[in-house]
Amino acid sequence: MKHLVYDTVLVGGTVVDGTGASAYVADVANNEGRIADIGPALGSMGAEIVDVTGLTIAPGFWDNHAHLVTLEEHPDAENFIRQGHHHGARAAPQSGSARGH
């Protein structure tokens, strides 16, 4: 369904969609936190436009990593293992982002 204006459009990214098809360059439009459309030239329909040229977009993928912040309470992390999380990360608070902003 085409909207006149999407909340956010990621423009020019390389889309990997998980179907086994080759990656392709496209725009990904979002409305109310959900993927609304994937295709060419959607940027003119975005209330917010984010240029992601040179970056990979994997719409619909779920990042299944877990931050093990309660190791003091659960030193064996059995609470995460029971949920199927077999790998985790401990992160130190840090300002900024991976893109240096």
N, C-alpha and C. Protein backbone atom coordinates (compact mmCIF):
# COMPACT_ATOMS: atom_id res chain seq x y z
N MET A 1 0.84 -1.18 0.00
CA MET A 1 0.00 0.00 0.00
C MET A 1 0.88 1.24 0.00
N LYS A 2 0.73 2.08 -0.97
CA LYS A 2 1.53 3.30 -1.08
C LYS A 2 0.86 4.41 -0.26
N HIS A 3 1.68 5.07 0.56
CA HIS A 3 1.21 6.21 1.34
C HIS A 3 1.77 7.47 0.71
N LEU A 4 1.09 8.56 0.87
CA LEU A 4 1.63 9.82 0.37
C LEU A 4 2.85 10.23 1.16
N VAL A 5 2.83 9.97 2.47
CA VAL A 5 3.98 10.30 3.31
C VAL A 5 4.21 9.17 4.30
N TYR A 6 5.44 8.66 4.32
CA TYR A 6 5.85 7.67 5.30
C TYR A 6 6.49 8.39 6.47
N ASP A 7 6.50 7.78 7.64
CA ASP A 7 7.17 8.39 8.79
C ASP A 7 8.66 8.57 8.50
N THR A 8 9.32 7.49 8.08
CA THR A 8 10.76 7.51 7.81
C THR A 8 11.04 6.69 6.56
N VAL A 9 11.96 7.18 5.74
CA VAL A 9 12.41 6.40 4.59
C VAL A 9 13.92 6.31 4.64
N LEU A 10 14.43 5.09 4.64
CA LEU A 10 15.86 4.83 4.54
C LEU A 10 16.17 4.76 3.05
N VAL A 11 17.01 5.65 2.56
CA VAL A 11 17.21 5.82 1.12
C VAL A 11 18.57 5.28 0.69
N GLY A 12 18.54 4.47 -0.37
CA GLY A 12 19.77 4.06 -1.05
C GLY A 12 20.56 2.95 -0.39
N GLY A 13 19.97 2.21 0.51
CA GLY A 13 20.70 1.13 1.18
C GLY A 13 20.72 -0.14 0.36
N THR A 14 21.64 -1.03 0.71
CA THR A 14 21.70 -2.34 0.08
C THR A 14 20.83 -3.28 0.91
N VAL A 15 19.75 -3.76 0.31
CA VAL A 15 18.76 -4.58 1.01
C VAL A 15 19.13 -6.06 0.90
N VAL A 16 19.19 -6.71 2.05
CA VAL A 16 19.33 -8.16 2.15
C VAL A 16 18.05 -8.62 2.83
N ASP A 17 17.21 -9.35 2.08
CA ASP A 17 15.87 -9.62 2.61
C ASP A 17 15.66 -11.02 3.18
N GLY A 18 16.69 -11.87 3.17
CA GLY A 18 16.56 -13.17 3.78
C GLY A 18 15.88 -14.22 2.93
N THR A 19 15.55 -13.89 1.69
CA THR A 19 14.88 -14.85 0.81
C THR A 19 15.87 -15.72 0.05
N GLY A 20 17.15 -15.36 0.10
CA GLY A 20 18.15 -16.05 -0.69
C GLY A 20 18.46 -15.32 -1.99
N ALA A 21 17.67 -14.31 -2.30
CA ALA A 21 17.92 -13.50 -3.50
C ALA A 21 19.16 -12.65 -3.28
N SER A 22 19.75 -12.20 -4.36
CA SER A 22 20.91 -11.31 -4.27
C SER A 22 20.51 -9.99 -3.62
N ALA A 23 21.47 -9.37 -2.95
CA ALA A 23 21.24 -8.05 -2.36
C ALA A 23 20.96 -7.04 -3.48
N TYR A 24 20.17 -6.04 -3.16
CA TYR A 24 19.82 -5.02 -4.16
C TYR A 24 19.69 -3.67 -3.48
N VAL A 25 19.87 -2.60 -4.22
CA VAL A 25 19.75 -1.25 -3.69
C VAL A 25 18.28 -0.83 -3.76
N ALA A 26 17.76 -0.35 -2.64
CA ALA A 26 16.36 0.09 -2.58
C ALA A 26 16.17 1.02 -1.39
N ASP A 27 15.00 1.61 -1.33
CA ASP A 27 14.58 2.42 -0.19
C ASP A 27 13.65 1.57 0.67
N VAL A 28 13.68 1.81 1.99
CA VAL A 28 12.80 1.09 2.91
C VAL A 28 12.00 2.14 3.68
N ALA A 29 10.68 2.06 3.55
CA ALA A 29 9.79 3.02 4.20
C ALA A 29 9.16 2.41 5.44
N ASN A 30 9.04 3.23 6.48
CA ASN A 30 8.45 2.79 7.76
C ASN A 30 7.31 3.71 8.14
N ASN A 31 6.28 3.12 8.71
CA ASN A 31 5.16 3.85 9.30
C ASN A 31 4.83 3.22 10.64
N GLU A 32 4.74 4.04 11.66
CA GLU A 32 4.37 3.60 13.00
C GLU A 32 5.21 2.41 13.45
N GLY A 33 6.53 2.46 13.17
CA GLY A 33 7.45 1.44 13.63
C GLY A 33 7.43 0.14 12.85
N ARG A 34 6.75 0.11 11.74
CA ARG A 34 6.67 -1.11 10.93
C ARG A 34 7.09 -0.82 9.49
N ILE A 35 7.65 -1.83 8.83
CA ILE A 35 8.02 -1.69 7.43
C ILE A 35 6.75 -1.54 6.62
N ALA A 36 6.68 -0.45 5.85
CA ALA A 36 5.48 -0.17 5.06
C ALA A 36 5.69 -0.47 3.58
N ASP A 37 6.93 -0.33 3.09
CA ASP A 37 7.19 -0.54 1.68
C ASP A 37 8.69 -0.67 1.46
N ILE A 38 9.05 -1.41 0.42
CA ILE A 38 10.44 -1.53 -0.02
C ILE A 38 10.43 -1.36 -1.53
N GLY A 39 11.24 -0.44 -2.02
CA GLY A 39 11.28 -0.24 -3.46
C GLY A 39 12.12 0.95 -3.84
N PRO A 40 12.14 1.27 -5.12
CA PRO A 40 12.93 2.41 -5.58
C PRO A 40 12.21 3.74 -5.38
N ALA A 41 12.96 4.79 -5.19
CA ALA A 41 12.46 6.17 -5.20
C ALA A 41 11.33 6.44 -4.22
N LEU A 42 11.46 5.96 -2.99
CA LEU A 42 10.45 6.24 -1.96
C LEU A 42 10.81 7.48 -1.14
N GLY A 43 12.03 7.97 -1.31
CA GLY A 43 12.52 9.08 -0.49
C GLY A 43 11.68 10.33 -0.56
N SER A 44 11.08 10.60 -1.70
CA SER A 44 10.26 11.82 -1.81
C SER A 44 8.98 11.72 -0.99
N MET A 45 8.68 10.52 -0.47
CA MET A 45 7.45 10.33 0.30
C MET A 45 7.73 10.20 1.79
N GLY A 46 8.92 10.57 2.25
CA GLY A 46 9.27 10.44 3.65
C GLY A 46 9.21 11.73 4.43
N ALA A 47 8.54 11.72 5.59
CA ALA A 47 8.57 12.87 6.48
C ALA A 47 9.99 13.06 7.01
N GLU A 48 10.68 11.94 7.27
CA GLU A 48 12.09 11.96 7.65
C GLU A 48 12.82 11.07 6.64
N ILE A 49 13.90 11.57 6.11
CA ILE A 49 14.67 10.82 5.13
C ILE A 49 16.07 10.60 5.68
N VAL A 50 16.52 9.35 5.67
CA VAL A 50 17.84 8.99 6.17
C VAL A 50 18.62 8.37 5.02
N ASP A 51 19.73 9.00 4.64
CA ASP A 51 20.57 8.47 3.57
C ASP A 51 21.43 7.34 4.13
N VAL A 52 21.20 6.13 3.67
CA VAL A 52 21.95 4.96 4.14
C VAL A 52 22.78 4.36 3.01
N THR A 53 23.13 5.21 2.04
CA THR A 53 23.96 4.76 0.93
C THR A 53 25.24 4.12 1.46
N GLY A 54 25.57 2.94 0.95
CA GLY A 54 26.77 2.23 1.39
C GLY A 54 26.56 1.36 2.61
N LEU A 55 25.36 1.41 3.20
CA LEU A 55 25.06 0.57 4.37
C LEU A 55 24.10 -0.55 3.97
N THR A 56 24.08 -1.61 4.75
CA THR A 56 23.20 -2.74 4.49
C THR A 56 21.96 -2.63 5.36
N ILE A 57 20.81 -2.88 4.75
CA ILE A 57 19.54 -2.90 5.46
C ILE A 57 19.02 -4.33 5.41
N ALA A 58 18.61 -4.87 6.54
CA ALA A 58 18.04 -6.22 6.61
C ALA A 58 16.65 -6.11 7.21
N PRO A 59 15.66 -5.65 6.43
CA PRO A 59 14.33 -5.41 6.98
C PRO A 59 13.67 -6.71 7.43
N GLY A 60 13.10 -6.65 8.63
CA GLY A 60 12.40 -7.80 9.16
C GLY A 60 13.27 -8.76 9.96
N PHE A 61 14.58 -8.57 9.92
CA PHE A 61 15.46 -9.43 10.70
C PHE A 61 15.35 -9.02 12.16
N TRP A 62 15.52 -9.97 13.04
CA TRP A 62 15.46 -9.71 14.47
C TRP A 62 16.84 -9.93 15.06
N ASP A 63 17.35 -8.94 15.76
CA ASP A 63 18.66 -9.03 16.41
C ASP A 63 18.48 -9.76 17.73
N ASN A 64 18.96 -10.99 17.79
CA ASN A 64 18.71 -11.87 18.93
C ASN A 64 19.84 -11.84 19.97
N HIS A 65 20.62 -10.78 20.02
CA HIS A 65 21.66 -10.75 21.04
C HIS A 65 21.06 -10.31 22.38
N ALA A 66 21.73 -10.64 23.44
CA ALA A 66 21.23 -10.31 24.77
C ALA A 66 22.35 -9.66 25.58
N HIS A 67 22.00 -8.65 26.34
CA HIS A 67 22.96 -8.02 27.25
C HIS A 67 22.80 -8.69 28.61
N LEU A 68 23.87 -9.30 29.07
CA LEU A 68 23.83 -10.03 30.34
C LEU A 68 24.11 -9.07 31.49
N VAL A 69 23.10 -8.33 31.86
CA VAL A 69 23.29 -7.30 32.87
C VAL A 69 23.01 -7.79 34.28
N THR A 70 22.55 -9.00 34.43
CA THR A 70 22.22 -9.49 35.77
C THR A 70 23.10 -10.68 36.16
N LEU A 71 24.35 -10.65 35.77
CA LEU A 71 25.25 -11.76 36.09
C LEU A 71 25.46 -11.92 37.59
N GLU A 72 25.34 -10.84 38.35
CA GLU A 72 25.49 -10.94 39.79
C GLU A 72 24.35 -11.78 40.38
N GLU A 73 23.15 -11.62 39.84
CA GLU A 73 22.00 -12.38 40.30
C GLU A 73 21.96 -13.78 39.70
N HIS A 74 22.44 -13.93 38.48
CA HIS A 74 22.39 -15.20 37.75
C HIS A 74 23.77 -15.48 37.14
N PRO A 75 24.74 -15.86 37.96
CA PRO A 75 26.12 -16.00 37.47
C PRO A 75 26.28 -17.05 36.37
N ASP A 76 25.39 -18.03 36.29
CA ASP A 76 25.46 -19.02 35.22
C ASP A 76 24.60 -18.63 34.02
N ALA A 77 23.93 -17.50 34.13
CA ALA A 77 23.07 -16.96 33.06
C ALA A 77 21.99 -17.94 32.62
N GLU A 78 21.52 -18.78 33.54
CA GLU A 78 20.52 -19.76 33.15
C GLU A 78 19.22 -19.10 32.69
N ASN A 79 18.95 -17.88 33.16
CA ASN A 79 17.75 -17.18 32.71
C ASN A 79 17.79 -16.90 31.21
N PHE A 80 18.99 -16.67 30.65
CA PHE A 80 19.12 -16.44 29.22
C PHE A 80 19.18 -17.76 28.45
N ILE A 81 19.85 -18.74 28.99
CA ILE A 81 19.98 -20.03 28.31
C ILE A 81 18.61 -20.67 28.13
N ARG A 82 17.75 -20.54 29.12
CA ARG A 82 16.39 -21.11 29.03
C ARG A 82 15.57 -20.45 27.93
N GLN A 83 15.92 -19.21 27.60
CA GLN A 83 15.21 -18.49 26.54
C GLN A 83 15.83 -18.77 25.17
N GLY A 84 16.90 -19.53 25.10
CA GLY A 84 17.53 -19.83 23.83
C GLY A 84 18.65 -18.88 23.46
N HIS A 85 19.02 -17.98 24.36
CA HIS A 85 20.13 -17.06 24.12
C HIS A 85 21.42 -17.74 24.58
N HIS A 86 22.25 -18.12 23.66
CA HIS A 86 23.48 -18.82 24.01
C HIS A 86 24.71 -17.92 23.90
N HIS A 87 24.53 -16.74 23.41
CA HIS A 87 25.62 -15.77 23.31
C HIS A 87 25.12 -14.46 23.88
N GLY A 88 25.97 -13.71 24.49
CA GLY A 88 25.56 -12.44 25.05
C GLY A 88 26.69 -11.45 25.01
N ALA A 89 26.37 -10.24 25.37
CA ALA A 89 27.38 -9.19 25.38
C ALA A 89 27.19 -8.36 26.63
N ARG A 90 28.28 -7.94 27.22
CA ARG A 90 28.22 -6.97 28.31
C ARG A 90 28.72 -5.67 27.74
N ALA A 91 27.93 -4.65 27.86
CA ALA A 91 28.29 -3.36 27.28
C ALA A 91 28.52 -2.35 28.38
N ALA A 92 29.54 -1.54 28.19
CA ALA A 92 29.79 -0.42 29.11
C ALA A 92 29.08 0.79 28.52
N PRO A 93 28.50 1.62 29.38
CA PRO A 93 27.86 2.83 28.87
C PRO A 93 28.86 3.69 28.11
N GLN A 94 28.43 4.18 26.96
CA GLN A 94 29.32 4.98 26.13
C GLN A 94 28.45 5.98 25.37
N SER A 95 28.89 7.20 25.31
CA SER A 95 28.11 8.18 24.55
C SER A 95 28.42 8.02 23.07
N GLY A 96 27.49 8.48 22.25
CA GLY A 96 27.68 8.41 20.80
C GLY A 96 27.10 7.14 20.24
N SER A 97 27.50 6.84 19.02
CA SER A 97 27.00 5.65 18.34
C SER A 97 28.11 5.06 17.50
N ALA A 98 27.78 3.96 16.83
CA ALA A 98 28.75 3.29 15.97
C ALA A 98 29.18 4.18 14.81
N ARG A 99 28.34 5.15 14.48
CA ARG A 99 28.67 6.05 13.37
C ARG A 99 29.42 7.29 13.86
N GLY A 100 29.71 7.35 15.15
CA GLY A 100 30.51 8.45 15.67
C GLY A 100 29.74 9.72 15.99
N HIS A 101 28.42 9.62 16.12
CA HIS A 101 27.61 10.82 16.41
C HIS A 101 27.35 10.91 17.89
